Amino acid sequence: MLGMLGLGAAGLVAAPRLQRGWEGFLAAASQHDATGLTGLLPDPGGFRYYSVVGSVPHKDETDYALRVGGLVERARTYTLADLRAMPQTRIVHDVQCTDGWRVERTPFAGVPLAHILDDAGVRSPGAAIRFTCFDGAYSESLTLEQARRADVMVALSMQDKPITHAHGGPVRLYVAPMYFYKSAKWLSGISVTDKVVPGYWEERGYAVDGWLDGADRHDGEA
């Protein structure tokens, strides 16, 4: 009996280390998996690692840039330091994927997207936002009304830690009331457009408006 308890205690001590090791393996493997099959492997943290390309470059303080352009008064380029110096917000919300997995009450923090749009100054006939990513392939979109919601941000942290490369860091989009495919990883570009441009998955049959069931589609605007 004592031996079994000892093994159980050792398992509890080792569990976080094993989880980190498994997460690290999935993160590394997903960067060289053009098939996307690593995204189907179980992850004790609840999240799945997936990329639409075989390899994604790493970015950090030395070379990360977020470019804002299109139908704006003032085109901007933000470094990580610039983004960290801007007003921040924190949201705790469930994360849900169309594959069926869900991670409850996940905290994200970063810059409200509405603040970045105001900094650039949206000009007529701007009506939508197109997001591009430094993986060279992924894209997403929101209407201007959706982008101005208080629960939409340019995220710098997830689960109260800087966003790792595997989770789309150092900067990703986070759209709390929509399925997670709308929260583009490895964010590098924000462009104001005159109409919604379907994103990567929308071009492959996903809904352009990826609202979660029960999401309030009107409240929460900034």
C-alpha atoms as a PDB file:
ATOM      1  CA  MET A   1       0.000   0.000   0.000  1.00  0.00           C
ATOM      2  CA  LEU A   2       2.770   2.412   0.949  1.00  0.00           C
ATOM      3  CA  GLY A   3       4.577   1.531  -2.259  1.00  0.00           C
ATOM      4  CA  MET A   4       1.506   2.357  -4.332  1.00  0.00           C
ATOM      5  CA  LEU A   5       1.093   5.676  -2.536  1.00  0.00           C
ATOM      6  CA  GLY A   6       4.735   6.422  -3.181  1.00  0.00           C
ATOM      7  CA  LEU A   7       4.332   5.722  -6.869  1.00  0.00           C
ATOM      8  CA  GLY A   8       1.231   7.914  -6.951  1.00  0.00           C
ATOM      9  CA  ALA A   9       3.061  10.788  -5.275  1.00  0.00           C
ATOM     10  CA  ALA A  10       5.983  10.417  -7.668  1.00  0.00           C
ATOM     11  CA  GLY A  11       3.542  10.495 -10.548  1.00  0.00           C
ATOM     12  CA  LEU A  12       2.019  13.738  -9.301  1.00  0.00           C
ATOM     13  CA  VAL A  13       5.457  15.305  -8.962  1.00  0.00           C
ATOM     14  CA  ALA A  14       6.526  14.118 -12.407  1.00  0.00           C
ATOM     15  CA  ALA A  15       3.249  14.950 -14.163  1.00  0.00           C
ATOM     16  CA  PRO A  16       3.987  18.651 -14.840  1.00  0.00           C
ATOM     17  CA  ARG A  17       7.442  17.740 -16.141  1.00  0.00           C
ATOM     18  CA  LEU A  18       6.040  14.995 -18.374  1.00  0.00           C
ATOM     19  CA  GLN A  19       3.338  17.330 -19.646  1.00  0.00           C
ATOM     20  CA  ARG A  20       5.898  20.011 -20.502  1.00  0.00           C
ATOM     21  CA  GLY A  21       8.010  17.394 -22.277  1.00  0.00           C
ATOM     22  CA  TRP A  22       5.067  16.131 -24.301  1.00  0.00           C
ATOM     23  CA  GLU A  23       3.979  19.681 -25.151  1.00  0.00           C
ATOM     24  CA  GLY A  24       7.540  20.442 -26.260  1.00  0.00           C
ATOM     25  CA  PHE A  25       7.601  17.357 -28.453  1.00  0.00           C
ATOM     26  CA  LEU A  26       4.269  18.279 -30.074  1.00  0.00           C
ATOM     27  CA  ALA A  27       5.409  21.844 -30.608  1.00  0.00           C
ATOM     28  CA  ALA A  28       8.641  20.768 -32.297  1.00  0.00           C
ATOM     29  CA  ALA A  29       7.023  18.020 -34.359  1.00  0.00           C
ATOM     30  CA  SER A  30       4.209  20.266 -35.589  1.00  0.00           C
ATOM     31  CA  GLN A  31       6.728  22.669 -37.116  1.00  0.00           C
ATOM     32  CA  HIS A  32       7.890  19.953 -39.531  1.00  0.00           C
ATOM     33  CA  ASP A  33       4.579  18.230 -40.188  1.00  0.00           C
ATOM     34  CA  ALA A  34       3.075  19.257 -43.508  1.00  0.00           C
ATOM     35  CA  THR A  35       0.270  16.692 -43.065  1.00  0.00           C
ATOM     36  CA  GLY A  36      -1.182  18.249 -39.908  1.00  0.00           C
ATOM     37  CA  LEU A  37      -1.406  14.807 -38.267  1.00  0.00           C
ATOM     38  CA  THR A  38       0.377  16.004 -35.121  1.00  0.00           C
ATOM     39  CA  GLY A  39      -2.639  18.221 -34.538  1.00  0.00           C
ATOM     40  CA  LEU A  40      -4.662  15.062 -33.853  1.00  0.00           C
ATOM     41  CA  LEU A  41      -2.410  13.840 -31.039  1.00  0.00           C
ATOM     42  CA  PRO A  42      -3.727  14.283 -27.481  1.00  0.00           C
ATOM     43  CA  ASP A  43      -2.296  17.086 -25.378  1.00  0.00           C
ATOM     44  CA  PRO A  44      -2.844  17.025 -21.598  1.00  0.00           C
ATOM     45  CA  GLY A  45      -2.936  20.837 -21.624  1.00  0.00           C
ATOM     46  CA  GLY A  46      -6.058  20.656 -23.783  1.00  0.00           C
ATOM     47  CA  PHE A  47      -4.681  22.552 -26.774  1.00  0.00           C
ATOM     48  CA  ARG A  48      -3.729  21.039 -30.128  1.00  0.00           C
ATOM     49  CA  TYR A  49      -0.679  22.047 -32.138  1.00  0.00           C
ATOM     50  CA  TYR A  50      -1.405  22.711 -35.793  1.00  0.00           C
ATOM     51  CA  SER A  51       0.085  24.654 -38.672  1.00  0.00           C
ATOM     52  CA  VAL A  52      -1.036  24.873 -42.288  1.00  0.00           C
ATOM     53  CA  VAL A  53       2.594  24.919 -43.467  1.00  0.00           C
ATOM     54  CA  GLY A  54       5.532  22.625 -42.840  1.00  0.00           C
ATOM     55  CA  SER A  55       7.715  25.110 -40.993  1.00  0.00           C
ATOM     56  CA  VAL A  56       7.216  28.523 -39.376  1.00  0.00           C
ATOM     57  CA  PRO A  57      10.086  30.922 -38.656  1.00  0.00           C
ATOM     58  CA  HIS A  58      10.647  32.032 -35.064  1.00  0.00           C
ATOM     59  CA  LYS A  59      10.304  35.722 -34.207  1.00  0.00           C
ATOM     60  CA  ASP A  60      11.308  37.581 -31.049  1.00  0.00           C
ATOM     61  CA  GLU A  61      12.178  41.073 -29.782  1.00  0.00           C
ATOM     62  CA  THR A  62      14.971  41.389 -32.324  1.00  0.00           C
ATOM     63  CA  ASP A  63      12.949  40.889 -35.489  1.00  0.00           C
ATOM     64  CA  TYR A  64       9.202  40.879 -34.798  1.00  0.00           C
ATOM     65  CA  ALA A  65       7.092  43.557 -36.492  1.00  0.00           C
ATOM     66  CA  LEU A  66       3.333  44.074 -36.792  1.00  0.00           C
ATOM     67  CA  ARG A  67       2.438  46.195 -39.808  1.00  0.00           C
ATOM     68  CA  VAL A  68      -0.870  48.062 -39.970  1.00  0.00           C
ATOM     69  CA  GLY A  69      -1.978  49.498 -43.306  1.00  0.00           C
ATOM     70  CA  GLY A  70      -4.628  49.537 -45.994  1.00  0.00           C
ATOM     71  CA  LEU A  71      -7.409  52.094 -45.627  1.00  0.00           C
ATOM     72  CA  VAL A  72      -5.856  54.003 -42.737  1.00  0.00           C
ATOM     73  CA  GLU A  73      -4.751  57.580 -42.150  1.00  0.00           C
ATOM     74  CA  ARG A  74      -1.429  56.578 -40.644  1.00  0.00           C
ATOM     75  CA  ALA A  75       0.270  53.307 -41.543  1.00  0.00           C
ATOM     76  CA  ARG A  76       2.067  51.892 -38.524  1.00  0.00           C
ATOM     77  CA  THR A  77       4.716  49.305 -37.702  1.00  0.00           C
ATOM     78  CA  TYR A  78       4.857  48.054 -34.120  1.00  0.00           C
ATOM     79  CA  THR A  79       7.678  46.200 -32.408  1.00  0.00           C
ATOM     80  CA  LEU A  80       7.061  43.930 -29.424  1.00  0.00           C
ATOM     81  CA  ALA A  81       8.216  46.752 -27.152  1.00  0.00           C
ATOM     82  CA  ASP A  82       5.727  49.125 -28.794  1.00  0.00           C
ATOM     83  CA  LEU A  83       2.854  46.693 -28.245  1.00  0.00           C
ATOM     84  CA  ARG A  84       3.814  46.071 -24.621  1.00  0.00           C
ATOM     85  CA  ALA A  85       3.818  49.833 -23.976  1.00  0.00           C
ATOM     86  CA  MET A  86       0.256  50.269 -25.252  1.00  0.00           C
ATOM     87  CA  PRO A  87      -2.920  49.996 -23.111  1.00  0.00           C
ATOM     88  CA  GLN A  88      -3.548  46.361 -22.194  1.00  0.00           C
ATOM     89  CA  THR A  89      -6.653  44.303 -21.527  1.00  0.00           C
ATOM     90  CA  ARG A  90      -7.197  40.810 -20.106  1.00  0.00           C
ATOM     91  CA  ILE A  91      -9.957  38.383 -21.064  1.00  0.00           C
ATOM     92  CA  VAL A  92     -10.795  35.005 -19.520  1.00  0.00           C
ATOM     93  CA  HIS A  93     -12.924  32.934 -21.873  1.00  0.00           C
ATOM     94  CA  ASP A  94     -13.337  29.368 -23.094  1.00  0.00           C
ATOM     95  CA  VAL A  95     -11.321  28.414 -26.165  1.00  0.00           C
ATOM     96  CA  GLN A  96     -13.110  26.096 -28.577  1.00  0.00           C
ATOM     97  CA  CYS A  97     -12.018  24.520 -31.859  1.00  0.00           C
ATOM     98  CA  THR A  98     -14.197  23.195 -34.658  1.00  0.00           C
ATOM     99  CA  ASP A  99     -12.470  19.815 -34.112  1.00  0.00           C
ATOM    100  CA  GLY A 100     -14.383  19.546 -30.840  1.00  0.00           C
ATOM    101  CA  TRP A 101     -11.697  20.179 -28.219  1.00  0.00           C
ATOM    102  CA  ARG A 102     -12.263  22.895 -25.653  1.00  0.00           C
ATOM    103  CA  VAL A 103     -10.137  24.561 -22.962  1.00  0.00           C
ATOM    104  CA  GLU A 104     -12.217  26.341 -20.358  1.00  0.00           C
ATOM    105  CA  ARG A 105     -11.462  29.724 -18.815  1.00  0.00           C
ATOM    106  CA  THR A 106      -8.248  30.509 -20.656  1.00  0.00           C
ATOM    107  CA  PRO A 107      -6.770  33.945 -19.900  1.00  0.00           C
ATOM    108  CA  PHE A 108      -5.436  36.077 -22.748  1.00  0.00           C
ATOM    109  CA  ALA A 109      -3.927  39.549 -22.426  1.00  0.00           C
ATOM    110  CA  GLY A 110      -2.792  42.138 -24.925  1.00  0.00           C
ATOM    111  CA  VAL A 111      -3.742  45.285 -26.785  1.00  0.00           C
ATOM    112  CA  PRO A 112      -7.405  45.863 -27.678  1.00  0.00           C
ATOM    113  CA  LEU A 113      -7.610  45.703 -31.467  1.00  0.00           C
ATOM    114  CA  ALA A 114      -9.862  48.785 -31.374  1.00  0.00           C
ATOM    115  CA  HIS A 115      -6.982  50.779 -29.867  1.00  0.00           C
ATOM    116  CA  ILE A 116      -4.627  49.822 -32.695  1.00  0.00           C
ATOM    117  CA  LEU A 117      -7.268  50.746 -35.282  1.00  0.00           C
ATOM    118  CA  ASP A 118      -7.811  54.113 -33.607  1.00  0.00           C
ATOM    119  CA  ASP A 119      -4.054  54.708 -33.551  1.00  0.00           C
ATOM    120  CA  ALA A 120      -3.894  54.157 -37.307  1.00  0.00           C
ATOM    121  CA  GLY A 121      -7.155  55.963 -38.072  1.00  0.00           C
ATOM    122  CA  VAL A 122      -9.599  54.002 -40.246  1.00  0.00           C
ATOM    123  CA  ARG A 123     -10.648  55.971 -43.308  1.00  0.00           C
ATOM    124  CA  SER A 124     -13.534  55.570 -45.713  1.00  0.00           C
ATOM    125  CA  PRO A 125     -14.539  53.180 -47.201  1.00  0.00           C
ATOM    126  CA  GLY A 126     -12.917  50.923 -44.574  1.00  0.00           C
ATOM    127  CA  ALA A 127     -15.396  48.248 -43.484  1.00  0.00           C
ATOM    128  CA  ALA A 128     -13.374  45.128 -42.635  1.00  0.00           C
ATOM    129  CA  ILE A 129      -9.992  43.917 -41.411  1.00  0.00           C
ATOM    130  CA  ARG A 130      -7.694  41.359 -43.042  1.00  0.00           C
ATOM    131  CA  PHE A 131      -5.070  39.646 -40.913  1.00  0.00           C
ATOM    132  CA  THR A 132      -1.929  38.003 -42.290  1.00  0.00           C
ATOM    133  CA  CYS A 133       0.687  35.864 -40.575  1.00  0.00           C
ATOM    134  CA  PHE A 134       4.426  35.332 -40.788  1.00  0.00           C
ATOM    135  CA  ASP A 135       3.979  31.652 -41.585  1.00  0.00           C
ATOM    136  CA  GLY A 136       3.420  32.982 -45.114  1.00  0.00           C
ATOM    137  CA  ALA A 137       0.069  31.237 -45.631  1.00  0.00           C
ATOM    138  CA  TYR A 138      -2.564  31.832 -42.954  1.00  0.00           C
ATOM    139  CA  SER A 139      -5.015  34.710 -43.093  1.00  0.00           C
ATOM    140  CA  GLU A 140      -8.224  35.756 -41.360  1.00  0.00           C
ATOM    141  CA  SER A 141     -10.817  38.513 -41.463  1.00  0.00           C
ATOM    142  CA  LEU A 142     -13.370  40.380 -39.364  1.00  0.00           C
ATOM    143  CA  THR A 143     -15.850  43.115 -40.083  1.00  0.00           C
ATOM    144  CA  LEU A 144     -14.884  46.488 -38.636  1.00  0.00           C
ATOM    145  CA  GLU A 145     -17.725  46.198 -36.116  1.00  0.00           C
ATOM    146  CA  GLN A 146     -16.459  42.802 -34.955  1.00  0.00           C
ATOM    147  CA  ALA A 147     -12.861  44.039 -34.759  1.00  0.00           C
ATOM    148  CA  ARG A 148     -13.879  46.887 -32.450  1.00  0.00           C
ATOM    149  CA  ARG A 149     -15.402  44.605 -29.835  1.00  0.00           C
ATOM    150  CA  ALA A 150     -13.889  44.763 -26.368  1.00  0.00           C
ATOM    151  CA  ASP A 151     -13.289  40.987 -26.454  1.00  0.00           C
ATOM    152  CA  VAL A 152     -11.024  41.088 -29.530  1.00  0.00           C
ATOM    153  CA  MET A 153      -7.313  41.755 -29.032  1.00  0.00           C
ATOM    154  CA  VAL A 154      -3.797  41.532 -30.353  1.00  0.00           C
ATOM    155  CA  ALA A 155      -2.640  39.043 -27.725  1.00  0.00           C
ATOM    156  CA  LEU A 156       0.806  39.001 -26.121  1.00  0.00           C
ATOM    157  CA  SER A 157       0.169  36.472 -23.359  1.00  0.00           C
ATOM    158  CA  MET A 158      -1.870  33.308 -22.874  1.00  0.00           C
ATOM    159  CA  GLN A 159      -2.466  31.572 -19.544  1.00  0.00           C
ATOM    160  CA  ASP A 160      -0.630  34.532 -17.961  1.00  0.00           C
ATOM    161  CA  LYS A 161       2.631  33.755 -19.775  1.00  0.00           C
ATOM    162  CA  PRO A 162       4.155  35.159 -22.978  1.00  0.00           C
ATOM    163  CA  ILE A 163       2.675  33.339 -25.955  1.00  0.00           C
ATOM    164  CA  THR A 164       5.072  30.646 -27.109  1.00  0.00           C
ATOM    165  CA  HIS A 165       5.947  30.053 -30.732  1.00  0.00           C
ATOM    166  CA  ALA A 166       3.917  26.844 -30.771  1.00  0.00           C
ATOM    167  CA  HIS A 167       0.828  28.737 -29.664  1.00  0.00           C
ATOM    168  CA  GLY A 168       1.280  31.422 -32.317  1.00  0.00           C
ATOM    169  CA  GLY A 169       3.655  33.792 -30.538  1.00  0.00           C
ATOM    170  CA  PRO A 170       5.095  36.116 -29.916  1.00  0.00           C
ATOM    171  CA  VAL A 171       1.868  37.846 -31.062  1.00  0.00           C
ATOM    172  CA  ARG A 172      -1.438  36.373 -32.188  1.00  0.00           C
ATOM    173  CA  LEU A 173      -4.984  37.538 -32.726  1.00  0.00           C
ATOM    174  CA  TYR A 174      -7.564  36.540 -30.125  1.00  0.00           C
ATOM    175  CA  VAL A 175     -11.279  36.706 -30.946  1.00  0.00           C
ATOM    176  CA  ALA A 176     -12.992  35.452 -27.778  1.00  0.00           C
ATOM    177  CA  PRO A 177     -16.591  34.995 -29.067  1.00  0.00           C
ATOM    178  CA  MET A 178     -15.607  32.969 -32.150  1.00  0.00           C
ATOM    179  CA  TYR A 179     -14.131  29.552 -32.896  1.00  0.00           C
ATOM    180  CA  PHE A 180     -10.370  29.429 -32.442  1.00  0.00           C
ATOM    181  CA  TYR A 181      -9.568  29.353 -36.168  1.00  0.00           C
ATOM    182  CA  LYS A 182     -10.515  33.048 -36.194  1.00  0.00           C
ATOM    183  CA  SER A 183      -7.698  33.773 -33.714  1.00  0.00           C
ATOM    184  CA  ALA A 184      -4.853  33.799 -36.220  1.00  0.00           C
ATOM    185  CA  LYS A 185      -1.452  32.667 -34.951  1.00  0.00           C
ATOM    186  CA  TRP A 186       1.907  34.333 -35.764  1.00  0.00           C
ATOM    187  CA  LEU A 187       0.204  37.645 -36.533  1.00  0.00           C
ATOM    188  CA  SER A 188       2.265  40.001 -38.700  1.00  0.00           C
ATOM    189  CA  GLY A 189      -0.175  42.175 -40.660  1.00  0.00           C
ATOM    190  CA  ILE A 190      -3.416  44.089 -40.120  1.00  0.00           C
ATOM    191  CA  SER A 191      -4.956  45.687 -43.189  1.00  0.00           C
ATOM    192  CA  VAL A 192      -8.170  47.720 -43.330  1.00  0.00           C
ATOM    193  CA  THR A 193     -10.181  46.769 -46.427  1.00  0.00           C
ATOM    194  CA  ASP A 194     -13.441  47.898 -48.019  1.00  0.00           C
ATOM    195  CA  LYS A 195     -15.009  44.440 -47.681  1.00  0.00           C
ATOM    196  CA  VAL A 196     -14.474  41.134 -45.905  1.00  0.00           C
ATOM    197  CA  VAL A 197     -11.803  39.011 -47.584  1.00  0.00           C
ATOM    198  CA  PRO A 198     -12.329  35.318 -46.720  1.00  0.00           C
ATOM    199  CA  GLY A 199      -9.466  33.832 -44.731  1.00  0.00           C
ATOM    200  CA  TYR A 200      -7.512  30.597 -45.154  1.00  0.00           C
ATOM    201  CA  TRP A 201     -10.172  28.279 -43.741  1.00  0.00           C
ATOM    202  CA  GLU A 202     -13.090  30.251 -45.144  1.00  0.00           C
ATOM    203  CA  GLU A 203     -11.694  29.595 -48.601  1.00  0.00           C
ATOM    204  CA  ARG A 204     -11.927  25.902 -47.680  1.00  0.00           C
ATOM    205  CA  GLY A 205     -15.540  25.931 -46.555  1.00  0.00           C
ATOM    206  CA  TYR A 206     -15.512  27.307 -43.009  1.00  0.00           C
ATOM    207  CA  ALA A 207     -17.996  30.006 -41.971  1.00  0.00           C
ATOM    208  CA  VAL A 208     -16.786  33.583 -42.451  1.00  0.00           C
ATOM    209  CA  ASP A 209     -18.506  34.499 -39.175  1.00  0.00           C
ATOM    210  CA  GLY A 210     -17.276  31.789 -36.832  1.00  0.00           C
ATOM    211  CA  TRP A 211     -19.461  32.628 -33.835  1.00  0.00           C
ATOM    212  CA  LEU A 212     -19.489  30.223 -30.914  1.00  0.00           C
ATOM    213  CA  ASP A 213     -22.875  28.832 -29.954  1.00  0.00           C
ATOM    214  CA  GLY A 214     -24.484  31.224 -27.507  1.00  0.00           C
ATOM    215  CA  ALA A 215     -22.066  34.083 -28.233  1.00  0.00           C
ATOM    216  CA  ASP A 216     -23.484  37.582 -27.889  1.00  0.00           C
ATOM    217  CA  ARG A 217     -23.081  38.976 -31.385  1.00  0.00           C
ATOM    218  CA  HIS A 218     -23.833  42.566 -30.459  1.00  0.00           C
ATOM    219  CA  ASP A 219     -22.576  43.380 -26.968  1.00  0.00           C
ATOM    220  CA  GLY A 220     -18.952  43.818 -25.991  1.00  0.00           C
ATOM    221  CA  GLU A 221     -18.126  46.487 -28.557  1.00  0.00           C
ATOM    222  CA  ALA A 222     -15.366  48.893 -27.606  1.00  0.00           C
END
